[in-house]
C-alpha atoms as a PDB file:
ATOM      1  CA  MET A   1      78.252 123.218 -98.630  1.00  0.00           C
ATOM      2  CA  ALA A   2      77.605 119.536 -99.209  1.00  0.00           C
ATOM      3  CA  ARG A   3      77.921 116.813 -96.624  1.00  0.00           C
ATOM      4  CA  GLN A   4      78.878 113.386 -97.940  1.00  0.00           C
ATOM      5  CA  MET A   5      79.060 109.726 -96.990  1.00  0.00           C
ATOM      6  CA  LYS A   6      80.626 106.832 -98.866  1.00  0.00           C
ATOM      7  CA  LEU A   7      78.833 103.663 -97.806  1.00  0.00           C
ATOM      8  CA  PHE A   8      80.125 100.161 -98.531  1.00  0.00           C
ATOM      9  CA  LEU A   9      77.898  97.126 -97.925  1.00  0.00           C
ATOM     10  CA  ILE A  10      80.304  94.176 -97.933  1.00  0.00           C
ATOM     11  CA  ARG A  11      79.846  90.424 -97.786  1.00  0.00           C
ATOM     12  CA  HIS A  12      82.389  88.349 -95.864  1.00  0.00           C
ATOM     13  CA  GLY A  13      84.960  86.043 -97.427  1.00  0.00           C
ATOM     14  CA  GLU A  14      84.360  82.428 -98.403  1.00  0.00           C
ATOM     15  CA  THR A  15      83.669  79.990 -95.559  1.00  0.00           C
ATOM     16  CA  VAL A  16      83.969  76.271 -95.035  1.00  0.00           C
ATOM     17  CA  ASP A  17      80.174  76.031 -95.059  1.00  0.00           C
ATOM     18  CA  ASN A  18      80.037  77.870 -98.390  1.00  0.00           C
ATOM     19  CA  VAL A  19      82.318  75.200 -99.810  1.00  0.00           C
ATOM     20  CA  ALA A  20      80.309  72.390 -98.196  1.00  0.00           C
ATOM     21  CA  GLN A  21      77.076  73.950 -99.500  1.00  0.00           C
ATOM     22  CA  VAL A  22      75.299  73.883 -96.163  1.00  0.00           C
ATOM     23  CA  TYR A  23      73.136  76.493 -94.468  1.00  0.00           C
ATOM     24  CA  ALA A  24      75.100  78.513 -91.932  1.00  0.00           C
ATOM     25  CA  GLY A  25      73.101  81.095 -90.068  1.00  0.00           C
ATOM     26  CA  SER A  26      73.824  80.904 -86.358  1.00  0.00           C
ATOM     27  CA  ARG A  27      76.669  78.511 -87.098  1.00  0.00           C
ATOM     28  CA  ASP A  28      79.952  80.331 -86.585  1.00  0.00           C
ATOM     29  CA  SER A  29      81.437  79.175 -89.857  1.00  0.00           C
ATOM     30  CA  ALA A  30      85.128  79.910 -90.347  1.00  0.00           C
ATOM     31  CA  LEU A  31      86.813  81.479 -93.342  1.00  0.00           C
ATOM     32  CA  THR A  32      88.637  79.185 -95.720  1.00  0.00           C
ATOM     33  CA  ASN A  33      92.208  79.967 -96.717  1.00  0.00           C
ATOM     34  CA  HIS A  34      90.767  81.259 -99.992  1.00  0.00           C
ATOM     35  CA  GLY A  35      88.257  83.395 -98.114  1.00  0.00           C
ATOM     36  CA  TYR A  36      91.059  84.848 -96.010  1.00  0.00           C
ATOM     37  CA  GLN A  37      92.917  85.786 -99.174  1.00  0.00           C
ATOM     38  CA  GLN A  38      89.758  87.350-100.606  1.00  0.00           C
ATOM     39  CA  ALA A  39      89.347  89.540 -97.517  1.00  0.00           C
ATOM     40  CA  THR A  40      93.032  90.458 -97.493  1.00  0.00           C
ATOM     41  CA  ARG A  41      92.800  91.477-101.142  1.00  0.00           C
ATOM     42  CA  LEU A  42      89.722  93.590-100.394  1.00  0.00           C
ATOM     43  CA  GLY A  43      91.450  95.495 -97.615  1.00  0.00           C
ATOM     44  CA  LEU A  44      94.459  96.230 -99.808  1.00  0.00           C
ATOM     45  CA  HIS A  45      92.123  97.262-102.634  1.00  0.00           C
ATOM     46  CA  PHE A  46      90.401  99.835-100.452  1.00  0.00           C
ATOM     47  CA  ASN A  47      93.776 101.093 -99.270  1.00  0.00           C
ATOM     48  CA  ALA A  48      94.992 101.463-102.855  1.00  0.00           C
ATOM     49  CA  LEU A  49      91.888 103.516-103.630  1.00  0.00           C
ATOM     50  CA  GLY A  50      92.847 105.889-100.843  1.00  0.00           C
ATOM     51  CA  LEU A  51      89.828 104.997 -98.735  1.00  0.00           C
ATOM     52  CA  CYS A  52      90.096 105.823 -95.067  1.00  0.00           C
ATOM     53  CA  PHE A  53      87.078 104.438 -93.224  1.00  0.00           C
ATOM     54  CA  THR A  54      85.699 106.522 -90.390  1.00  0.00           C
ATOM     55  CA  HIS A  55      83.410 103.717 -89.193  1.00  0.00           C
ATOM     56  CA  ILE A  56      83.514  99.920 -89.566  1.00  0.00           C
ATOM     57  CA  TYR A  57      80.546  97.764 -88.544  1.00  0.00           C
ATOM     58  CA  SER A  58      80.268  93.998 -88.791  1.00  0.00           C
ATOM     59  CA  SER A  59      78.297  90.990 -87.714  1.00  0.00           C
ATOM     60  CA  HIS A  60      79.896  89.488 -84.621  1.00  0.00           C
ATOM     61  CA  LEU A  61      80.329  86.022 -86.137  1.00  0.00           C
ATOM     62  CA  GLN A  62      83.877  85.242 -87.110  1.00  0.00           C
ATOM     63  CA  ARG A  63      83.515  85.135 -90.895  1.00  0.00           C
ATOM     64  CA  ALA A  64      82.310  88.742 -90.988  1.00  0.00           C
ATOM     65  CA  ALA A  65      84.384  89.935 -88.034  1.00  0.00           C
ATOM     66  CA  LYS A  66      87.627  88.571 -89.518  1.00  0.00           C
ATOM     67  CA  THR A  67      86.829  90.054 -92.918  1.00  0.00           C
ATOM     68  CA  ALA A  68      86.251  93.408 -91.225  1.00  0.00           C
ATOM     69  CA  GLY A  69      89.485  92.937 -89.276  1.00  0.00           C
ATOM     70  CA  LEU A  70      91.484  92.482 -92.463  1.00  0.00           C
ATOM     71  CA  ILE A  71      89.895  95.604 -93.935  1.00  0.00           C
ATOM     72  CA  ARG A  72      90.859  97.488 -90.786  1.00  0.00           C
ATOM     73  CA  GLU A  73      94.370  96.043 -90.799  1.00  0.00           C
ATOM     74  CA  ALA A  74      94.934  97.385 -94.306  1.00  0.00           C
ATOM     75  CA  GLN A  75      93.928 100.822 -93.012  1.00  0.00           C
ATOM     76  CA  THR A  76      97.035 100.814 -90.827  1.00  0.00           C
ATOM     77  CA  ARG A  77      99.279 100.623 -93.897  1.00  0.00           C
ATOM     78  CA  PRO A  78     100.579 103.831 -95.486  1.00  0.00           C
ATOM     79  CA  LEU A  79      97.986 105.179 -97.889  1.00  0.00           C
ATOM     80  CA  LEU A  80      98.914 105.739-101.505  1.00  0.00           C
ATOM     81  CA  TYR A  81      98.119 109.428-101.245  1.00  0.00           C
ATOM     82  CA  GLU A  82      99.042 112.117 -98.771  1.00  0.00           C
ATOM     83  CA  GLY A  83      96.857 114.089 -96.435  1.00  0.00           C
ATOM     84  CA  ALA A  84      94.675 111.180 -95.279  1.00  0.00           C
ATOM     85  CA  ALA A  85      93.464 110.835 -91.723  1.00  0.00           C
ATOM     86  CA  THR A  86      95.650 108.528 -89.645  1.00  0.00           C
ATOM     87  CA  VAL A  87      93.001 107.463 -87.111  1.00  0.00           C
ATOM     88  CA  VAL A  88      91.868 103.862 -87.644  1.00  0.00           C
ATOM     89  CA  PRO A  89      88.378 103.181 -86.241  1.00  0.00           C
ATOM     90  CA  ASP A  90      87.457 100.317 -83.971  1.00  0.00           C
ATOM     91  CA  ILE A  91      85.246  97.588 -85.403  1.00  0.00           C
ATOM     92  CA  VAL A  92      81.764  97.697 -83.913  1.00  0.00           C
ATOM     93  CA  GLN A  93      80.364  94.161 -83.950  1.00  0.00           C
ATOM     94  CA  LEU A  94      76.578  93.930 -83.981  1.00  0.00           C
ATOM     95  CA  PRO A  95      74.520  90.723 -83.739  1.00  0.00           C
ATOM     96  CA  VAL A  96      71.697  92.532 -85.579  1.00  0.00           C
ATOM     97  CA  LEU A  97      73.884  92.288 -88.693  1.00  0.00           C
ATOM     98  CA  MET A  98      73.866  88.480 -88.614  1.00  0.00           C
ATOM     99  CA  GLU A  99      72.402  86.493 -91.478  1.00  0.00           C
ATOM    100  CA  ARG A 100      68.956  84.972 -91.615  1.00  0.00           C
ATOM    101  CA  ASP A 101      68.321  82.224 -89.091  1.00  0.00           C
ATOM    102  CA  PHE A 102      67.657  78.988 -90.925  1.00  0.00           C
ATOM    103  CA  GLY A 103      66.424  77.226 -87.809  1.00  0.00           C
ATOM    104  CA  PHE A 104      65.892  73.538 -88.456  1.00  0.00           C
ATOM    105  CA  TYR A 105      67.963  73.732 -91.632  1.00  0.00           C
ATOM    106  CA  GLU A 106      71.120  75.066 -89.995  1.00  0.00           C
ATOM    107  CA  GLY A 107      74.021  72.839 -91.023  1.00  0.00           C
ATOM    108  CA  LYS A 108      71.914  70.992 -93.584  1.00  0.00           C
ATOM    109  CA  LYS A 109      72.644  70.839 -97.288  1.00  0.00           C
ATOM    110  CA  TRP A 110      71.090  73.491 -99.506  1.00  0.00           C
ATOM    111  CA  TYR A 111      69.002  70.898-101.362  1.00  0.00           C
ATOM    112  CA  GLU A 112      67.382  69.712 -98.119  1.00  0.00           C
ATOM    113  CA  LYS A 113      65.358  72.905 -97.620  1.00  0.00           C
ATOM    114  CA  PRO A 114      62.185  73.254 -99.731  1.00  0.00           C
ATOM    115  CA  LEU A 115      62.010  76.341-101.910  1.00  0.00           C
ATOM    116  CA  GLU A 116      60.115  79.224-100.325  1.00  0.00           C
ATOM    117  CA  SER A 117      57.694  79.047-103.228  1.00  0.00           C
ATOM    118  CA  LYS A 118      56.801  75.544-102.015  1.00  0.00           C
ATOM    119  CA  VAL A 119      56.352  76.302 -98.325  1.00  0.00           C
ATOM    120  CA  GLY A 120      53.202  74.229 -98.178  1.00  0.00           C
ATOM    121  CA  SER A 121      54.799  71.270 -99.941  1.00  0.00           C
ATOM    122  CA  GLU A 122      54.693  67.768 -98.534  1.00  0.00           C
ATOM    123  CA  GLN A 123      58.427  67.890 -97.778  1.00  0.00           C
ATOM    124  CA  SER A 124      58.048  71.175 -95.901  1.00  0.00           C
ATOM    125  CA  LEU A 125      55.165  69.888 -93.810  1.00  0.00           C
ATOM    126  CA  GLU A 126      57.100  66.705 -93.023  1.00  0.00           C
ATOM    127  CA  HIS A 127      60.077  68.688 -91.739  1.00  0.00           C
ATOM    128  CA  LYS A 128      57.834  70.700 -89.418  1.00  0.00           C
ATOM    129  CA  LYS A 129      56.818  67.475 -87.695  1.00  0.00           C
ATOM    130  CA  ALA A 130      60.424  66.778 -86.709  1.00  0.00           C
ATOM    131  CA  VAL A 131      61.280  66.866 -83.016  1.00  0.00           C
ATOM    132  CA  GLY A 132      62.729  70.237 -82.042  1.00  0.00           C
ATOM    133  CA  PHE A 133      61.753  71.870 -85.331  1.00  0.00           C
ATOM    134  CA  VAL A 134      62.586  75.587 -85.409  1.00  0.00           C
ATOM    135  CA  ASP A 135      61.231  77.610 -88.303  1.00  0.00           C
ATOM    136  CA  ILE A 136      63.254  79.901 -90.530  1.00  0.00           C
ATOM    137  CA  GLU A 137      63.476  83.523 -89.435  1.00  0.00           C
ATOM    138  CA  SER A 138      60.735  85.634 -90.955  1.00  0.00           C
ATOM    139  CA  LYS A 139      61.273  88.555 -93.318  1.00  0.00           C
ATOM    140  CA  ASP A 140      59.644  90.861 -90.789  1.00  0.00           C
ATOM    141  CA  SER A 141      62.130  89.781 -88.125  1.00  0.00           C
ATOM    142  CA  MET A 142      65.068  90.514 -90.436  1.00  0.00           C
ATOM    143  CA  ALA A 143      63.589  93.912 -91.304  1.00  0.00           C
ATOM    144  CA  GLN A 144      63.279  94.763 -87.605  1.00  0.00           C
ATOM    145  CA  ARG A 145      66.910  93.875 -86.985  1.00  0.00           C
ATOM    146  CA  VAL A 146      68.092  95.925 -89.931  1.00  0.00           C
ATOM    147  CA  ASP A 147      65.946  98.859 -88.829  1.00  0.00           C
ATOM    148  CA  ALA A 148      67.636  98.720 -85.421  1.00  0.00           C
ATOM    149  CA  PHE A 149      71.013  99.078 -87.123  1.00  0.00           C
ATOM    150  CA  LEU A 150      69.914 101.878 -89.427  1.00  0.00           C
ATOM    151  CA  ASP A 151      68.158 103.871 -86.719  1.00  0.00           C
ATOM    152  CA  GLY A 152      70.730 103.227 -84.017  1.00  0.00           C
ATOM    153  CA  HIS A 153      73.974 103.497 -85.967  1.00  0.00           C
ATOM    154  CA  LEU A 154      73.908 104.577 -89.608  1.00  0.00           C
ATOM    155  CA  LEU A 155      71.280 107.311 -89.677  1.00  0.00           C
ATOM    156  CA  PRO A 156      72.759 109.195 -86.708  1.00  0.00           C
ATOM    157  CA  LEU A 157      75.939 109.591 -88.788  1.00  0.00           C
ATOM    158  CA  LEU A 158      73.854 111.368 -91.400  1.00  0.00           C
ATOM    159  CA  ASP A 159      72.445 113.842 -88.905  1.00  0.00           C
ATOM    160  CA  THR A 160      73.011 117.244 -90.481  1.00  0.00           C
ATOM    161  CA  LEU A 161      73.664 118.853 -87.127  1.00  0.00           C
ATOM    162  CA  THR A 162      76.360 116.553 -85.818  1.00  0.00           C
ATOM    163  CA  GLY A 163      79.463 114.721 -86.913  1.00  0.00           C
ATOM    164  CA  SER A 164      82.237 115.526 -89.315  1.00  0.00           C
ATOM    165  CA  THR A 165      81.686 116.777 -92.847  1.00  0.00           C
ATOM    166  CA  ASP A 166      82.466 113.531 -94.683  1.00  0.00           C
ATOM    167  CA  GLN A 167      82.127 109.910 -93.620  1.00  0.00           C
ATOM    168  CA  ALA A 168      83.341 106.605 -95.074  1.00  0.00           C
ATOM    169  CA  VAL A 169      81.448 103.646 -93.637  1.00  0.00           C
ATOM    170  CA  ALA A 170      82.019  99.910 -94.103  1.00  0.00           C
ATOM    171  CA  VAL A 171      79.297  97.424 -93.139  1.00  0.00           C
ATOM    172  CA  VAL A 172      80.535  93.829 -93.279  1.00  0.00           C
ATOM    173  CA  SER A 173      77.728  91.322 -93.145  1.00  0.00           C
ATOM    174  CA  HIS A 174      76.123  88.456 -95.060  1.00  0.00           C
ATOM    175  CA  GLY A 175      74.386  87.875 -98.380  1.00  0.00           C
ATOM    176  CA  ILE A 176      70.700  87.763 -97.519  1.00  0.00           C
ATOM    177  CA  ILE A 177      70.709  90.290 -94.703  1.00  0.00           C
ATOM    178  CA  LEU A 178      72.620  92.757 -96.882  1.00  0.00           C
ATOM    179  CA  SER A 179      69.768  92.600 -99.378  1.00  0.00           C
ATOM    180  CA  VAL A 180      67.300  93.375 -96.593  1.00  0.00           C
ATOM    181  CA  LEU A 181      69.535  96.183 -95.347  1.00  0.00           C
ATOM    182  CA  TRP A 182      69.672  97.720 -98.803  1.00  0.00           C
ATOM    183  CA  LYS A 183      65.894  97.591 -99.229  1.00  0.00           C
ATOM    184  CA  ARG A 184      65.262  99.116 -95.802  1.00  0.00           C
ATOM    185  CA  LEU A 185      67.762 101.880 -96.532  1.00  0.00           C
ATOM    186  CA  LEU A 186      65.897 102.644 -99.741  1.00  0.00           C
ATOM    187  CA  LEU A 187      62.771 103.167 -97.663  1.00  0.00           C
ATOM    188  CA  ARG A 188      64.499 106.025 -95.901  1.00  0.00           C
ATOM    189  CA  LEU A 189      65.794 107.808 -98.981  1.00  0.00           C
ATOM    190  CA  PRO A 190      63.776 110.621-100.576  1.00  0.00           C
ATOM    191  CA  PRO A 191      61.695 109.892-103.711  1.00  0.00           C
ATOM    192  CA  LYS A 192      63.669 109.922-106.959  1.00  0.00           C
ATOM    193  CA  SER A 193      66.929 110.497-105.103  1.00  0.00           C
ATOM    194  CA  VAL A 194      68.897 107.399-106.171  1.00  0.00           C
ATOM    195  CA  SER A 195      70.759 107.048-109.466  1.00  0.00           C
ATOM    196  CA  PHE A 196      73.433 104.868-111.039  1.00  0.00           C
ATOM    197  CA  SER A 197      76.848 106.286-111.783  1.00  0.00           C
ATOM    198  CA  PRO A 198      77.347 106.935-115.523  1.00  0.00           C
ATOM    199  CA  GLU A 199      80.477 104.770-115.338  1.00  0.00           C
ATOM    200  CA  LEU A 200      78.509 101.816-113.979  1.00  0.00           C
ATOM    201  CA  SER A 201      77.307  99.229-116.460  1.00  0.00           C
ATOM    202  CA  VAL A 202      73.835  98.180-115.372  1.00  0.00           C
ATOM    203  CA  ALA A 203      71.805  95.343-116.831  1.00  0.00           C
ATOM    204  CA  PRO A 204      68.688  96.485-118.685  1.00  0.00           C
ATOM    205  CA  ARG A 205      65.504  96.783-116.630  1.00  0.00           C
ATOM    206  CA  VAL A 206      67.364  96.411-113.328  1.00  0.00           C
ATOM    207  CA  SER A 207      65.390  97.576-110.320  1.00  0.00           C
ATOM    208  CA  LEU A 208      66.882  99.403-107.379  1.00  0.00           C
ATOM    209  CA  GLU A 209      65.374  96.949-104.947  1.00  0.00           C
ATOM    210  CA  HIS A 210      66.891  93.921-106.654  1.00  0.00           C
ATOM    211  CA  LEU A 211      70.493  94.652-107.569  1.00  0.00           C
ATOM    212  CA  GLY A 212      71.494  90.997-107.435  1.00  0.00           C
ATOM    213  CA  ALA A 213      73.378  88.770-105.036  1.00  0.00           C
ATOM    214  CA  TRP A 214      76.606  89.528-103.181  1.00  0.00           C
ATOM    215  CA  SER A 215      79.615  87.353-104.001  1.00  0.00           C
ATOM    216  CA  ASN A 216      82.101  86.552-101.239  1.00  0.00           C
ATOM    217  CA  THR A 217      83.789  89.911-100.450  1.00  0.00           C
ATOM    218  CA  GLY A 218      81.626  91.546-103.106  1.00  0.00           C
ATOM    219  CA  TYR A 219      80.458  95.027-102.149  1.00  0.00           C
ATOM    220  CA  LEU A 220      77.874  97.665-102.975  1.00  0.00           C
ATOM    221  CA  GLU A 221      79.296 101.188-103.023  1.00  0.00           C
ATOM    222  CA  LEU A 222      76.928 104.098-102.473  1.00  0.00           C
ATOM    223  CA  HIS A 223      77.875 107.789-102.430  1.00  0.00           C
ATOM    224  CA  MET A 224      75.387 109.867-100.462  1.00  0.00           C
ATOM    225  CA  LYS A 225      75.326 113.647-100.495  1.00  0.00           C
ATOM    226  CA  LEU A 226      73.407 116.351 -98.670  1.00  0.00           C
ATOM    227  CA  SER A 227      73.275 119.689-100.421  1.00  0.00           C
ATOM    228  CA  THR A 228      71.751 122.910 -99.148  1.00  0.00           C
ATOM    229  CA  GLN A 229      71.338 124.065-102.716  1.00  0.00           C
ATOM    230  CA  THR A 230      68.159 123.591-104.724  1.00  0.00           C
ATOM    231  CA  PRO A 231      68.234 120.184-106.484  1.00  0.00           C
ATOM    232  CA  ASN A 232      68.743 120.135-110.242  1.00  0.00           C
ATOM    233  CA  THR A 233      65.383 119.057-111.622  1.00  0.00           C
ATOM    234  CA  THR A 234      66.851 118.330-115.057  1.00  0.00           C
ATOM    235  CA  GLN A 235      68.520 115.166-113.767  1.00  0.00           C
ATOM    236  CA  ASN A 236      66.647 111.877-113.833  1.00  0.00           C
ATOM    237  CA  PRO A 237      67.479 109.893-110.713  1.00  0.00           C
ATOM    238  CA  LEU A 238      65.628 106.641-110.241  1.00  0.00           C
ATOM    239  CA  GLU A 239      62.474 106.400-108.194  1.00  0.00           C
ATOM    240  CA  SER A 240      63.397 105.384-104.661  1.00  0.00           C
ATOM    241  CA  THR A 241      60.046 105.332-102.926  1.00  0.00           C
ATOM    242  CA  VAL A 242      59.332 101.992-101.357  1.00  0.00           C
ATOM    243  CA  SER A 243      55.925 100.896-100.266  1.00  0.00           C
ATOM    244  CA  VAL A 244      55.806  99.693 -96.733  1.00  0.00           C
ATOM    245  CA  ASN A 245      56.935  97.293 -95.190  1.00  0.00           C
ATOM    246  CA  THR A 246      73.006  95.734 -75.900  1.00  0.00           C
ATOM    247  CA  ILE A 247      75.226  96.578 -75.163  1.00  0.00           C
ATOM    248  CA  SER A 248      78.292  94.973 -73.604  1.00  0.00           C
ATOM    249  CA  GLN A 249      81.845  95.804 -74.571  1.00  0.00           C
ATOM    250  CA  ASN A 250      84.616  93.346 -75.269  1.00  0.00           C
ATOM    251  CA  ASP A 251      87.500  95.347 -76.619  1.00  0.00           C
ATOM    252  CA  ASN A 252      90.891  94.084 -77.703  1.00  0.00           C
ATOM    253  CA  ALA A 253      91.679  97.660 -78.757  1.00  0.00           C
ATOM    254  CA  THR A 254      90.097  97.065 -82.131  1.00  0.00           C
ATOM    255  CA  VAL A 255      86.659  95.602 -81.477  1.00  0.00           C
ATOM    256  CA  VAL A 256      83.512  96.722 -79.695  1.00  0.00           C
ATOM    257  CA  ILE A 257      80.734  94.139 -79.413  1.00  0.00           C
ATOM    258  CA  ARG A 258      77.204  95.422 -78.935  1.00  0.00           C
ATOM    259  CA  HIS A 259      74.229  93.198 -78.160  1.00  0.00           C
ATOM    260  CA  LEU A 260      70.650  94.291 -78.686  1.00  0.00           C
ATOM    261  CA  ASN A 261      67.904  92.762 -76.595  1.00  0.00           C
ATOM    262  CA  ALA A 262      66.064  91.321 -79.553  1.00  0.00           C
ATOM    263  CA  GLN A 263      65.083  87.862 -80.657  1.00  0.00           C
ATOM    264  CA  GLN A 264      67.852  85.442 -81.587  1.00  0.00           C
ATOM    265  CA  ILE A 265      69.397  86.178 -84.935  1.00  0.00           C
ATOM    266  CA  THR A 266      71.350  84.052 -87.328  1.00  0.00           C
ATOM    267  CA  GLN A 267      73.175  84.299 -90.554  1.00  0.00           C
ATOM    268  CA  SER A 268      73.419  82.169 -93.646  1.00  0.00           C
ATOM    269  CA  ASP A 269      75.752  81.984 -96.501  1.00  0.00           C
ATOM    270  CA  ALA A 270      73.506  80.094 -98.825  1.00  0.00           C
ATOM    271  CA  ASP A 271      73.223  81.491-102.313  1.00  0.00           C
ATOM    272  CA  THR A 272      70.924  84.507-102.442  1.00  0.00           C
ATOM    273  CA  LYS A 273      69.054  83.064-105.383  1.00  0.00           C
ATOM    274  CA  GLU A 274      65.780  84.069-103.739  1.00  0.00           C
ATOM    275  CA  GLN A 275      66.544  87.637-104.723  1.00  0.00           C
ATOM    276  CA  ASP A 276      64.340  88.488-107.647  1.00  0.00           C
ATOM    277  CA  ARG A 277      66.036  90.386-110.420  1.00  0.00           C
ATOM    278  CA  SER A 278      63.148  90.132-112.858  1.00  0.00           C
ATOM    279  CA  ASP A 279      61.171  93.082-111.493  1.00  0.00           C
ATOM    280  CA  ALA A 280      61.079  95.614-114.319  1.00  0.00           C
ATOM    281  CA  SER A 281      59.640  98.339-112.132  1.00  0.00           C
ATOM    282  CA  ILE A 282      61.959 100.922-110.628  1.00  0.00           C
ATOM    283  CA  GLN A 283      59.673 101.258-107.617  1.00  0.00           C
ATOM    284  CA  HIS A 284      60.550  98.909-104.767  1.00  0.00           C
ATOM    285  CA  THR A 285      58.132  97.143-102.526  1.00  0.00           C
ATOM    286  CA  ALA A 286      59.352  96.036 -99.138  1.00  0.00           C
ATOM    287  CA  SER A 287      58.062  93.004 -97.283  1.00  0.00           C
ATOM    288  CA  ALA A 288      54.896  93.333 -95.274  1.00  0.00           C
ATOM    289  CA  THR A 289      56.475  95.419 -92.549  1.00  0.00           C
ATOM    290  CA  GLN A 290      55.531  98.854 -91.373  1.00  0.00           C
ATOM    291  CA  ALA A 291      57.219 101.935 -92.738  1.00  0.00           C
ATOM    292  CA  PRO A 292      60.345 103.090 -90.876  1.00  0.00           C
ATOM    293  CA  SER A 293      59.820 105.795 -88.288  1.00  0.00           C
ATOM    294  CA  SER A 294      62.721 107.913 -89.531  1.00  0.00           C
ATOM    295  CA  LYS A 295      63.644 109.077 -93.026  1.00  0.00           C
ATOM    296  CA  LEU A 296      66.382 111.220 -94.498  1.00  0.00           C
ATOM    297  CA  ALA A 297      65.900 114.877 -95.333  1.00  0.00           C
ATOM    298  CA  PRO A 298      64.708 115.532 -98.917  1.00  0.00           C
ATOM    299  CA  GLU A 299      68.049 117.195 -99.748  1.00  0.00           C
ATOM    300  CA  TRP A 300      69.844 113.834 -99.655  1.00  0.00           C
ATOM    301  CA  THR A 301      70.779 112.153-102.938  1.00  0.00           C
ATOM    302  CA  ALA A 302      72.590 108.877-103.545  1.00  0.00           C
ATOM    303  CA  VAL A 303      74.617 107.511-106.446  1.00  0.00           C
ATOM    304  CA  ILE A 304      75.334 103.793-106.803  1.00  0.00           C
ATOM    305  CA  GLN A 305      78.990 103.560-107.799  1.00  0.00           C
ATOM    306  CA  THR A 306      79.602  99.801-107.635  1.00  0.00           C
ATOM    307  CA  VAL A 307      77.353  96.722-107.580  1.00  0.00           C
ATOM    308  CA  ASN A 308      78.912  93.495-106.292  1.00  0.00           C
ATOM    309  CA  GLY A 309      82.408  94.943-106.673  1.00  0.00           C
ATOM    310  CA  LYS A 310      84.989  92.215-107.294  1.00  0.00           C
ATOM    311  CA  ALA A 311      87.893  94.038-108.933  1.00  0.00           C
ATOM    312  CA  HIS A 312      90.093  93.010-105.995  1.00  0.00           C
ATOM    313  CA  LEU A 313      89.620  89.332-106.870  1.00  0.00           C
ATOM    314  CA  LYS A 314      91.041  89.636-110.370  1.00  0.00           C
ATOM    315  CA  GLY A 315      93.834  87.095-110.807  1.00  0.00           C
ATOM    316  CA  LEU A 316      93.223  85.412-107.437  1.00  0.00           C
ATOM    317  CA  LYS A 317      93.549  81.635-107.811  1.00  0.00           C
ATOM    318  CA  ARG A 318      92.409  79.031-105.329  1.00  0.00           C
ATOM    319  CA  THR A 319      95.302  77.052-103.874  1.00  0.00           C
ATOM    320  CA  ARG A 320      95.138  73.496-105.151  1.00  0.00           C
ATOM    321  CA  GLY A 321      95.123  70.218-103.299  1.00  0.00           C
ATOM    322  CA  GLY A 322      92.221  71.222-101.071  1.00  0.00           C
ATOM    323  CA  VAL A 323      94.334  73.804 -99.242  1.00  0.00           C
ATOM    324  CA  GLY A 324      92.353  76.763-100.543  1.00  0.00           C
ATOM    325  CA  SER A 325      89.060  75.254 -99.364  1.00  0.00           C
ATOM    326  CA  ALA A 326      90.386  74.256 -95.946  1.00  0.00           C
ATOM    327  CA  ARG A 327      89.647  76.247 -92.816  1.00  0.00           C
ATOM    328  CA  HIS A 328      92.026  79.150 -92.319  1.00  0.00           C
ATOM    329  CA  ASP A 329      94.241  78.687 -89.301  1.00  0.00           C
ATOM    330  CA  ALA A 330      95.763  81.919 -88.027  1.00  0.00           C
ATOM    331  CA  SER A 331      98.479  79.944 -86.246  1.00  0.00           C
ATOM    332  CA  GLN A 332      99.821  78.592 -89.521  1.00  0.00           C
ATOM    333  CA  LYS A 333     102.717  80.458 -91.056  1.00  0.00           C
ATOM    334  CA  SER A 334     102.599  81.777 -94.558  1.00  0.00           C
ATOM    335  CA  ILE A 335     105.245  80.450 -96.905  1.00  0.00           C
ATOM    336  CA  ASP A 336     107.351  83.550 -96.218  1.00  0.00           C
ATOM    337  CA  GLY A 337     107.400  82.668 -92.545  1.00  0.00           C
ATOM    338  CA  PHE A 338     109.475  79.558 -93.215  1.00  0.00           C
ATOM    339  CA  PHE A 339     112.372  81.608 -94.494  1.00  0.00           C
ATOM    340  CA  LYS A 340     114.535  83.442 -91.978  1.00  0.00           C
ATOM    341  CA  ARG A 341     115.155  87.080 -92.631  1.00  0.00           C
ATOM    342  CA  GLN A 342     118.736  88.142 -93.164  1.00  0.00           C
ATOM    343  CA  LYS A 343     120.237  90.096 -90.319  1.00  0.00           C
ATOM    344  CA  ILE A 344     121.132  93.659 -91.117  1.00  0.00           C
ATOM    345  CA  GLY A 345     124.326  95.164 -89.734  1.00  0.00           C
END
């Protein structure tokens, strides 16, 4: 008998700092009206697919938390197929899922930060002389945060001795940290256990480690399966070996916030252009961090079903006149709210 998990790694909706093109890591950037619509569409899309999430995790900053909330809200609607579970999970908010801390560059325009390839440039050195300069969070620090999530939350769900038979998990986070999360997850998967779905169109020479950037509310869909049967050696899954590299509760009946005693974390919604898609090798190499202490059993396999899924955004137009790019205000009524409903009876 197989045990399965559907895993969705989701980026939050568009924010005011995305529109302004500034770095927003620790900044609690709000969704725009367009971003709110993106997240609403995503929740309805999952509902239409008949997805019933058993677990929902998110960064605790509002752009991710509100996106996760809209996904959860759609779960309360009647599903388009019968026999689905009716229990809607709480959202577990985790600061370890925040985006990379941009330190000194928080709130600054994208063009103000030197490229990482020019770290020793004159501009970079000049910035470090500024009063109160705080450096950008290191790759090792991000890997440690992601490992804490994987080891403390996701991997326990895959324990073959506990839990229900099937799981559907949503992780709502941010562009850069999602890339780190994906790479660190690959480190835990057995060699040659990951493949692309035949229905998925993949660019030539794509590597598993570098699948590309996440658009706002774009998602990576991964189907994981544990089988007690002998694997079929005639299949050709992609090589997935990667060379190495607290809790307080605030619950409004839908949210659990958990804080880990780790270094300060931040998130950014800058473009993830630093992700390198030119690596022709299928083998992935993680940053210079140590190998994870825990790995999945060799019977696990994974199939990538969707990369940067955006089907839910088809036909969505930004409201003109600057309204779509403005900060979403939950107190504002939708256009339907201005019309009184007719009394019945």
